[in-house]
Amino acid sequence: MPYLLPRSLWATHRVALVTAFGSLSNLEACSIMTRGILKLETPCERVSVFDLVSPAAASIPRLSGVLKAAPMIDYIDGNHAEPSALVEAIIRNVDTVPTLSLSGYDIDVGDYEVLVRSLLDEFRAKGFRKIRLLRPKGNELRAEDVLSRRSLDVVAFPYRGGYALGPTAWVPDSARMRERGVRKPAPHSEISLSPRLAGLLLNLTGLPAGKTILDPFCGSGTILSEALIRSYRCLGFDSSKGRLRDARRNLSWLASDLRGAKFNLREGDARDLPAVLGSTLADAVVTEPLLLPSLTARPRTETATSLVESAGRVYADALESAARVLSPGGRIVIVVPVVPTMEGKEVSITLDGKPFGLRLHQPGPISFDYPVRLSFESTRWVRRAVYVFESRS
C-alpha cells in the first residue's frame, strides 16, 4: 500500500498508531520494530504513541494490527491554541488540500468542534480558502474511507494534558484483506479468525519469508492462508477430515495466483506432533485450538470454569507437543478463549511454558501481561487472548 502523504513527513521519530486490537497490536509493533523503540505510551484506548530510534516509514506497512499511522507533528494545550506547526508541515509537502477531515479519539464533542474550527481557520489563513470539511460519522474517518474519499485526515487524541495531532500518512489495504475473508471457496465466518488478526499472529513469530509455519489446529486454513501470502512454507494438521478438505480448497484457491506457494495438510492429532512429523521441525507454531462448545449467551462462572478447565487440558498437551517439534529459537503463538460470565467475570485458559523449555515473549520497552487480550472484538460470548512463547535455546 503506498503512503498517502510524502515520505518527507515521516522525518519525526514519534508516531501515533490507531490500533485494531489494542495491547495485542502494541505487542505486534514491538515484535516487528524490536530494538528500534525507545518508548511506548497509550494515551487513550485506540491510539498508541511510539518514540523510535529512527523514522518508522519502512516498518509501518508490515503491521497487520494497525488501522492508521500518523507522524506526531503538533501539540495543543492551554498556551498553544492553534495547530500552526501541523499546517505548516503539511503545506510544505502537499500542493493542494481539497478535503479535510479530523478523526478524534477519546475527545469530547466541544473540544472536537474547537479543533475542527482551528484546523480550518489555519489552512484558510495559509491560502487554502477552498478547502472542504468532511465530517465523519462518530468523529472518526475509517481507514478505507480515507482512501475512497481522498481526504487529508488528521488524527487527534488526548496527550499530556492537551491534544496531539498528526496527519494520517498510511492506512492498510483493507479491501484485499476483506476480499480474502469473503471470497474464499470454503468460508467459516462464524468461527474463523479475520485475515487481519491472522496476519498479526504471524508477525508475532518474527520469521522471514521461506520459513515453515505449523498450524496443528488448522481448521479451514485462515492462518495458513495468510502465511501462504507472506511466502511461508505452510504445514497444517486437523483431526477433522471435513475441515482439512475446506482448508485444502482455500489454500489451493490462493496458491493458484502465488508463484512457488507450498503447503502440506494432513490429518493428525495436535497432542502428538512428534509422531506425525518425525524428524521435521517447525520454525514457528501459530494456532487457535478453541475447543469450546457454541455459546448463545453468557454462562455462569461455574459453567465457564468447567468448560475452560476441560479445554485447558488439551491446550496444555498441545503446547507440550508443539514445543517438541519447534526449531531452536522458534516461537509458539497460541490463541486462547476468554469467556465473559453472567456475574461480570472473565474466565480464560492459563498456560505455562516453563516445563517445556519455553519463556514468554517480551520484545519491547514495556512488559506485556499474558495472555494479551484483544480489544474491540465484536464477538459477544467468547473472546480471544494470545500467548507468545519462545524457545529458551
Protein backbone atom coordinates (compact mmCIF):
# COMPACT_ATOMS: atom_id res chain seq x y z
CA MET A 1 0.00 0.00 0.00
CA PRO A 2 1.53 3.37 -0.97
CA TYR A 3 1.83 6.15 1.55
CA LEU A 4 -0.91 8.74 1.47
CA LEU A 5 1.49 11.64 2.06
CA PRO A 6 5.11 12.27 1.04
CA ARG A 7 7.78 10.34 2.94
CA SER A 8 9.31 13.67 3.98
CA LEU A 9 6.55 14.00 6.59
CA TRP A 10 7.97 10.90 8.32
CA ALA A 11 11.12 12.69 9.48
CA THR A 12 9.73 12.69 13.03
CA HIS A 13 10.81 9.95 15.44
CA ARG A 14 7.43 9.94 17.19
CA VAL A 15 4.50 8.19 15.53
CA ALA A 16 0.90 7.60 16.58
CA LEU A 17 -0.74 4.31 15.63
CA VAL A 18 -4.51 3.80 15.64
CA THR A 19 -4.71 0.15 16.66
CA ALA A 20 -7.17 -2.55 15.64
CA PHE A 21 -6.61 -4.77 18.70
CA GLY A 22 -5.23 -2.54 21.47
CA SER A 23 -2.47 -4.18 23.52
CA LEU A 24 -2.12 -7.03 21.04
CA SER A 25 -1.39 -4.52 18.28
CA ASN A 26 1.27 -2.97 20.53
CA LEU A 27 2.83 -6.40 21.05
CA GLU A 28 2.96 -6.86 17.27
CA ALA A 29 4.58 -3.45 16.74
CA CYS A 30 7.20 -4.19 19.39
CA SER A 31 7.89 -7.58 17.78
CA ILE A 32 8.37 -6.01 14.34
CA MET A 33 10.33 -2.90 15.34
CA THR A 34 12.19 -4.68 18.19
CA ARG A 35 15.11 -2.57 19.45
CA GLY A 36 14.04 0.47 17.44
CA ILE A 37 11.50 1.51 20.10
CA LEU A 38 12.67 3.87 22.83
CA LYS A 39 9.30 4.43 24.50
CA LEU A 40 5.69 3.28 24.19
CA GLU A 41 2.73 5.23 25.55
CA THR A 42 -1.02 4.53 25.39
CA PRO A 43 -2.67 7.92 25.97
CA CYS A 44 -6.10 6.53 25.06
CA GLU A 45 -7.66 3.16 24.25
CA ARG A 46 -7.45 3.41 20.47
CA VAL A 47 -4.11 5.21 20.00
CA SER A 48 -0.54 4.27 20.93
CA VAL A 49 2.48 6.56 20.66
CA PHE A 50 5.92 5.18 19.79
CA ASP A 51 9.20 7.03 20.27
CA LEU A 52 11.64 5.49 17.80
CA VAL A 53 15.37 5.37 17.22
CA SER A 54 14.80 6.19 13.54
CA PRO A 55 11.77 7.14 11.41
CA ALA A 56 9.25 4.31 11.05
CA ALA A 57 8.37 4.54 7.35
CA ALA A 58 9.90 1.15 6.49
CA SER A 59 8.28 -0.76 9.37
CA ILE A 60 4.71 0.51 9.33
CA PRO A 61 3.46 -1.39 6.20
CA ARG A 62 4.38 -4.70 7.83
CA LEU A 63 1.92 -4.22 10.70
CA SER A 64 -1.42 -6.01 10.42
CA GLY A 65 -2.91 -4.70 13.65
CA VAL A 66 -2.74 -1.01 12.72
CA LEU A 67 -5.57 0.95 11.08
CA LYS A 68 -3.79 4.28 10.67
CA ALA A 69 -0.31 5.66 11.18
CA ALA A 70 0.32 9.35 11.75
CA PRO A 71 3.60 11.12 12.48
CA MET A 72 3.06 13.29 15.56
CA ILE A 73 3.72 16.83 14.41
CA ASP A 74 1.78 19.18 16.68
CA TYR A 75 0.64 19.53 20.27
CA ILE A 76 -2.06 21.88 21.55
CA ASP A 77 -2.51 22.86 25.19
CA GLY A 78 -3.81 25.91 27.01
CA ASN A 79 -0.84 28.02 25.93
CA HIS A 80 -0.77 26.88 22.29
CA ALA A 81 -4.24 27.03 20.83
CA GLU A 82 -3.60 26.83 17.08
CA PRO A 83 -2.30 23.83 15.07
CA SER A 84 0.18 26.01 13.21
CA ALA A 85 3.08 23.52 13.24
CA LEU A 86 0.85 20.81 11.73
CA VAL A 87 -0.48 23.03 8.97
CA GLU A 88 2.99 24.39 8.15
CA ALA A 89 4.39 20.85 7.84
CA ILE A 90 1.55 19.78 5.56
CA ILE A 91 1.66 22.75 3.18
CA ARG A 92 5.44 22.37 2.83
CA ASN A 93 4.87 18.86 1.46
CA VAL A 94 1.42 18.97 -0.19
CA ASP A 95 0.37 21.26 -3.04
CA THR A 96 -3.38 21.06 -2.53
CA VAL A 97 -5.78 20.03 0.23
CA PRO A 98 -9.27 19.83 -1.33
CA THR A 99 -10.90 17.89 1.55
CA LEU A 100 -10.04 17.86 5.25
CA SER A 101 -11.28 15.52 7.97
CA LEU A 102 -10.49 15.26 11.67
CA SER A 103 -10.55 11.86 13.37
CA GLY A 104 -10.84 12.47 17.08
CA TYR A 105 -10.14 9.65 19.55
CA ASP A 106 -11.40 9.99 23.12
CA ILE A 107 -12.18 13.69 22.56
CA ASP A 108 -15.42 15.24 23.83
CA VAL A 109 -17.78 16.96 21.41
CA GLY A 110 -16.94 20.50 22.48
CA ASP A 111 -13.17 20.09 22.13
CA TYR A 112 -13.63 18.25 18.84
CA GLU A 113 -15.52 21.22 17.38
CA VAL A 114 -12.84 23.64 18.60
CA LEU A 115 -10.11 21.55 16.93
CA VAL A 116 -12.05 21.36 13.65
CA ARG A 117 -12.53 25.11 13.56
CA SER A 118 -8.88 25.77 14.44
CA LEU A 119 -7.69 23.50 11.62
CA LEU A 120 -9.98 25.11 9.04
CA ASP A 121 -9.04 28.63 10.10
CA GLU A 122 -5.33 27.83 9.98
CA PHE A 123 -5.49 26.27 6.49
CA ARG A 124 -7.56 29.15 5.14
CA ALA A 125 -5.18 31.68 6.66
CA LYS A 126 -2.38 29.96 4.71
CA GLY A 127 -4.22 30.40 1.39
CA PHE A 128 -6.28 27.17 1.19
CA ARG A 129 -9.58 29.06 1.04
CA LYS A 130 -11.49 26.44 -0.98
CA ILE A 131 -10.78 23.59 1.40
CA ARG A 132 -13.85 21.46 2.19
CA LEU A 133 -14.59 19.82 5.52
CA LEU A 134 -15.65 16.18 5.61
CA ARG A 135 -17.47 15.35 8.83
CA PRO A 136 -17.03 11.63 9.56
CA LYS A 137 -19.63 9.58 11.38
CA GLY A 138 -18.76 9.32 15.04
CA ASN A 139 -15.94 11.85 14.56
CA GLU A 140 -13.66 9.17 13.06
CA LEU A 141 -12.97 8.63 9.37
CA ARG A 142 -12.41 4.91 8.82
CA ALA A 143 -9.16 3.87 7.17
CA GLU A 144 -10.85 2.62 3.99
CA ASP A 145 -12.79 5.90 3.73
CA VAL A 146 -9.59 7.92 3.94
CA LEU A 147 -8.67 6.30 0.65
CA SER A 148 -12.06 6.37 -1.07
CA ARG A 149 -12.84 9.96 -0.09
CA ARG A 150 -9.28 11.15 -0.78
CA SER A 151 -9.33 13.21 2.35
CA LEU A 152 -6.43 14.68 4.24
CA ASP A 153 -7.27 13.09 7.57
CA VAL A 154 -5.84 14.46 10.81
CA VAL A 155 -5.61 12.17 13.85
CA ALA A 156 -6.15 13.91 17.20
CA PHE A 157 -6.14 12.43 20.72
CA PRO A 158 -5.53 13.44 24.36
CA TYR A 159 -1.85 13.70 25.22
CA ARG A 160 -0.12 15.02 28.34
CA GLY A 161 -2.87 17.39 29.34
CA GLY A 162 -3.55 18.68 25.82
CA TYR A 163 -4.09 17.21 22.37
CA ALA A 164 -1.60 15.70 19.93
CA LEU A 165 -2.19 15.93 16.18
CA GLY A 166 -0.73 14.32 13.10
CA PRO A 167 -1.80 13.66 9.51
CA THR A 168 -2.86 10.13 8.56
CA ALA A 169 0.06 9.18 6.35
CA TRP A 170 -0.57 5.46 5.91
CA VAL A 171 -3.53 3.04 6.01
CA PRO A 172 -3.60 -0.71 5.22
CA ASP A 173 -5.12 -2.29 2.14
CA SER A 174 -8.30 -3.35 3.94
CA ALA A 175 -10.13 -4.16 0.70
CA ARG A 176 -7.78 -7.04 -0.14
CA MET A 177 -7.99 -8.40 3.41
CA ARG A 178 -11.77 -8.31 3.25
CA GLU A 179 -11.77 -9.98 -0.16
CA ARG A 180 -9.68 -12.87 1.14
CA GLY A 181 -12.13 -13.30 4.01
CA VAL A 182 -15.34 -13.35 1.97
CA ARG A 183 -14.35 -14.77 -1.41
CA LYS A 184 -12.54 -17.92 -0.33
CA PRO A 185 -14.37 -21.03 -1.54
CA ALA A 186 -14.93 -22.55 1.92
CA PRO A 187 -15.61 -19.76 4.43
CA HIS A 188 -16.36 -20.39 8.10
CA SER A 189 -17.07 -16.84 9.21
CA GLU A 190 -18.74 -17.90 12.46
CA ILE A 191 -15.54 -19.41 13.84
CA SER A 192 -12.63 -18.21 11.70
CA LEU A 193 -10.12 -15.55 12.58
CA SER A 194 -10.15 -12.44 10.43
CA PRO A 195 -7.31 -12.18 7.87
CA ARG A 196 -6.10 -9.08 9.76
CA LEU A 197 -5.80 -10.95 13.05
CA ALA A 198 -4.22 -13.98 11.37
CA GLY A 199 -1.61 -11.69 9.81
CA LEU A 200 -0.85 -10.16 13.19
CA LEU A 201 -0.36 -13.60 14.76
CA LEU A 202 2.12 -14.48 12.02
CA ASN A 203 4.01 -11.24 12.58
CA LEU A 204 4.45 -12.24 16.23
CA THR A 205 6.68 -15.12 15.08
CA GLY A 206 9.34 -12.69 13.81
CA LEU A 207 10.13 -15.05 10.93
CA PRO A 208 11.34 -14.02 7.47
CA ALA A 209 9.75 -15.44 4.32
CA GLY A 210 10.64 -19.01 3.38
CA LYS A 211 10.41 -20.44 6.91
CA THR A 212 7.94 -23.15 7.96
CA ILE A 213 4.75 -22.24 9.81
CA LEU A 214 2.84 -25.07 11.51
CA ASP A 215 -0.83 -24.81 12.49
CA PRO A 216 -1.81 -28.05 14.28
CA PHE A 217 -5.48 -26.95 14.56
CA CYS A 218 -5.70 -25.51 11.06
CA GLY A 219 -9.50 -25.65 10.60
CA SER A 220 -10.44 -24.05 7.29
CA GLY A 221 -6.93 -22.62 6.91
CA THR A 222 -7.22 -18.90 7.71
CA ILE A 223 -3.82 -18.68 9.43
CA LEU A 224 -2.11 -20.77 6.76
CA SER A 225 -3.75 -18.69 4.01
CA GLU A 226 -2.16 -15.53 5.37
CA ALA A 227 1.11 -17.41 5.81
CA LEU A 228 0.98 -18.52 2.17
CA ILE A 229 0.57 -14.91 1.03
CA ARG A 230 3.64 -13.98 3.09
CA SER A 231 5.70 -16.67 1.32
CA TYR A 232 5.99 -19.05 4.25
CA ARG A 233 6.06 -22.81 3.86
CA CYS A 234 2.76 -23.99 5.34
CA LEU A 235 2.17 -27.16 7.31
CA GLY A 236 -1.29 -27.87 8.71
CA PHE A 237 -2.99 -30.57 10.75
CA ASP A 238 -6.53 -31.13 11.92
CA SER A 239 -8.43 -34.06 13.34
CA SER A 240 -11.44 -33.30 11.11
CA LYS A 241 -11.37 -34.55 7.53
CA GLY A 242 -14.08 -32.04 6.61
CA ARG A 243 -12.06 -29.09 7.90
CA LEU A 244 -8.97 -30.33 6.10
CA ARG A 245 -10.96 -30.56 2.89
CA ASP A 246 -12.08 -26.94 3.35
CA ALA A 247 -8.53 -25.81 4.14
CA ARG A 248 -7.21 -27.53 1.04
CA ARG A 249 -9.80 -25.75 -1.12
CA ASN A 250 -8.99 -22.36 0.41
CA LEU A 251 -5.21 -22.72 0.13
CA SER A 252 -5.41 -24.09 -3.41
CA TRP A 253 -7.55 -21.07 -4.38
CA LEU A 254 -4.86 -18.73 -3.08
CA ALA A 255 -1.90 -20.72 -4.36
CA SER A 256 -3.17 -20.54 -7.95
CA ASP A 257 -2.09 -16.88 -8.02
CA LEU A 258 1.09 -17.24 -5.96
CA ARG A 259 4.34 -18.40 -7.54
CA GLY A 260 6.17 -21.03 -5.51
CA ALA A 261 3.46 -21.34 -2.85
CA LYS A 262 3.92 -24.54 -0.83
CA PHE A 263 1.57 -26.15 1.69
CA ASN A 264 1.12 -29.58 3.20
CA LEU A 265 -2.08 -30.57 5.02
CA ARG A 266 -2.51 -33.81 6.95
CA GLU A 267 -4.94 -35.43 9.32
CA GLY A 268 -3.38 -35.72 12.74
CA ASP A 269 -3.60 -35.21 16.50
CA ALA A 270 -2.08 -31.93 17.73
CA ARG A 271 -1.26 -33.60 21.04
CA ASP A 272 1.23 -35.98 19.40
CA LEU A 273 3.03 -33.93 16.75
CA PRO A 274 6.40 -35.75 17.02
CA ALA A 275 4.71 -38.99 15.95
CA VAL A 276 3.15 -37.26 12.93
CA LEU A 277 6.14 -35.13 11.89
CA GLY A 278 9.01 -37.48 12.68
CA SER A 279 12.25 -35.52 12.41
CA THR A 280 10.63 -32.49 10.77
CA LEU A 281 10.77 -29.28 12.82
CA ALA A 282 8.66 -26.13 12.51
CA ASP A 283 10.24 -22.69 12.65
CA ALA A 284 7.09 -21.41 14.38
CA VAL A 285 3.72 -22.70 15.51
CA VAL A 286 0.69 -20.41 15.11
CA THR A 287 -2.74 -21.75 16.04
CA GLU A 288 -6.18 -21.27 17.61
CA PRO A 289 -7.47 -24.53 19.09
CA LEU A 290 -10.69 -23.04 20.66
CA LEU A 291 -12.33 -26.41 21.63
CA LEU A 292 -15.34 -24.84 23.36
CA PRO A 293 -18.99 -25.56 22.58
CA SER A 294 -21.01 -22.88 20.81
CA LEU A 295 -22.40 -20.37 23.31
CA THR A 296 -25.55 -18.32 22.71
CA ALA A 297 -25.44 -16.41 26.00
CA ARG A 298 -23.05 -15.66 28.84
CA PRO A 299 -22.75 -18.76 31.06
CA ARG A 300 -22.49 -18.77 34.81
CA THR A 301 -18.95 -18.52 36.16
CA GLU A 302 -19.11 -22.11 37.43
CA THR A 303 -20.12 -23.37 33.97
CA ALA A 304 -17.48 -21.26 32.19
CA THR A 305 -14.78 -22.51 34.58
CA SER A 306 -15.72 -26.13 33.88
CA LEU A 307 -15.64 -25.56 30.09
CA VAL A 308 -12.31 -23.76 30.21
CA GLU A 309 -10.67 -26.33 32.50
CA SER A 310 -11.71 -29.15 30.17
CA ALA A 311 -10.33 -27.36 27.11
CA GLY A 312 -7.25 -26.26 29.07
CA ARG A 313 -6.02 -29.84 29.37
CA VAL A 314 -5.98 -30.17 25.58
CA TYR A 315 -4.21 -26.80 25.26
CA ALA A 316 -1.50 -27.85 27.72
CA ASP A 317 -0.95 -31.15 25.90
CA ALA A 318 -0.85 -29.36 22.54
CA LEU A 319 1.65 -26.79 23.88
CA GLU A 320 3.98 -29.54 25.09
CA SER A 321 3.64 -31.33 21.75
CA ALA A 322 4.38 -28.14 19.79
CA ALA A 323 7.44 -27.40 21.93
CA ARG A 324 8.88 -30.79 20.98
CA VAL A 325 8.76 -30.02 17.24
CA LEU A 326 9.86 -26.37 17.48
CA SER A 327 13.18 -25.31 15.98
CA PRO A 328 15.68 -23.74 18.41
CA GLY A 329 14.84 -20.07 18.85
CA GLY A 330 11.35 -20.52 17.39
CA ARG A 331 8.09 -19.16 18.77
CA ILE A 332 4.66 -20.59 19.54
CA VAL A 333 1.72 -18.20 19.10
CA ILE A 334 -1.47 -19.64 20.54
CA VAL A 335 -4.91 -18.06 20.86
CA VAL A 336 -6.92 -18.94 23.97
CA PRO A 337 -10.63 -18.33 24.63
CA VAL A 338 -11.85 -15.79 27.17
CA VAL A 339 -15.41 -16.39 28.38
CA PRO A 340 -17.39 -13.46 29.89
CA THR A 341 -19.82 -14.72 32.52
CA MET A 342 -23.25 -13.73 33.81
CA GLU A 343 -21.64 -12.46 37.01
CA GLY A 344 -19.45 -9.98 35.09
CA LYS A 345 -16.25 -12.02 35.37
CA GLU A 346 -13.97 -13.43 32.67
CA VAL A 347 -12.64 -16.98 32.64
CA SER A 348 -9.64 -17.89 30.50
CA ILE A 349 -7.08 -20.63 30.00
CA THR A 350 -3.74 -20.24 31.78
CA LEU A 351 -0.71 -21.74 30.04
CA ASP A 352 2.77 -22.30 31.49
CA GLY A 353 5.59 -22.93 29.03
CA LYS A 354 8.42 -23.31 31.57
CA PRO A 355 8.10 -27.12 31.93
CA PHE A 356 8.57 -27.37 28.16
CA GLY A 357 11.61 -25.10 27.89
CA LEU A 358 9.60 -22.05 26.79
CA ARG A 359 9.52 -18.48 28.04
CA LEU A 360 7.08 -15.65 27.37
CA HIS A 361 7.98 -13.30 24.52
CA GLN A 362 8.72 -9.77 25.82
CA PRO A 363 10.03 -7.73 22.87
CA GLY A 364 9.56 -4.08 23.80
CA PRO A 365 10.27 -1.31 26.27
CA ILE A 366 7.25 -2.35 28.37
CA SER A 367 6.28 -5.69 29.90
CA PHE A 368 3.15 -7.32 28.48
CA ASP A 369 0.72 -9.16 30.74
CA TYR A 370 -0.15 -12.59 29.34
CA PRO A 371 -2.41 -13.68 27.92
CA VAL A 372 -2.60 -10.45 25.92
CA ARG A 373 -6.26 -9.58 25.36
CA LEU A 374 -7.74 -8.40 22.08
CA SER A 375 -9.57 -5.10 22.31
CA PHE A 376 -12.55 -4.02 20.22
CA GLU A 377 -13.73 -7.57 19.40
CA SER A 378 -17.26 -7.88 18.04
CA THR A 379 -17.72 -11.42 19.38
CA ARG A 380 -20.16 -11.50 22.30
CA TRP A 381 -19.87 -14.82 24.07
CA VAL A 382 -16.29 -15.99 23.55
CA ARG A 383 -13.44 -13.51 23.26
CA ARG A 384 -9.77 -14.04 22.50
CA ALA A 385 -6.39 -13.60 24.14
CA VAL A 386 -2.93 -14.57 22.92
CA TYR A 387 0.18 -16.23 24.34
CA VAL A 388 3.55 -15.96 22.60
CA PHE A 389 6.19 -18.38 23.82
CA GLU A 390 9.75 -18.68 22.57
CA SER A 391 12.28 -21.44 22.87
CA ARG A 392 14.88 -20.78 25.56
CA SER A 393 17.54 -22.19 23.27
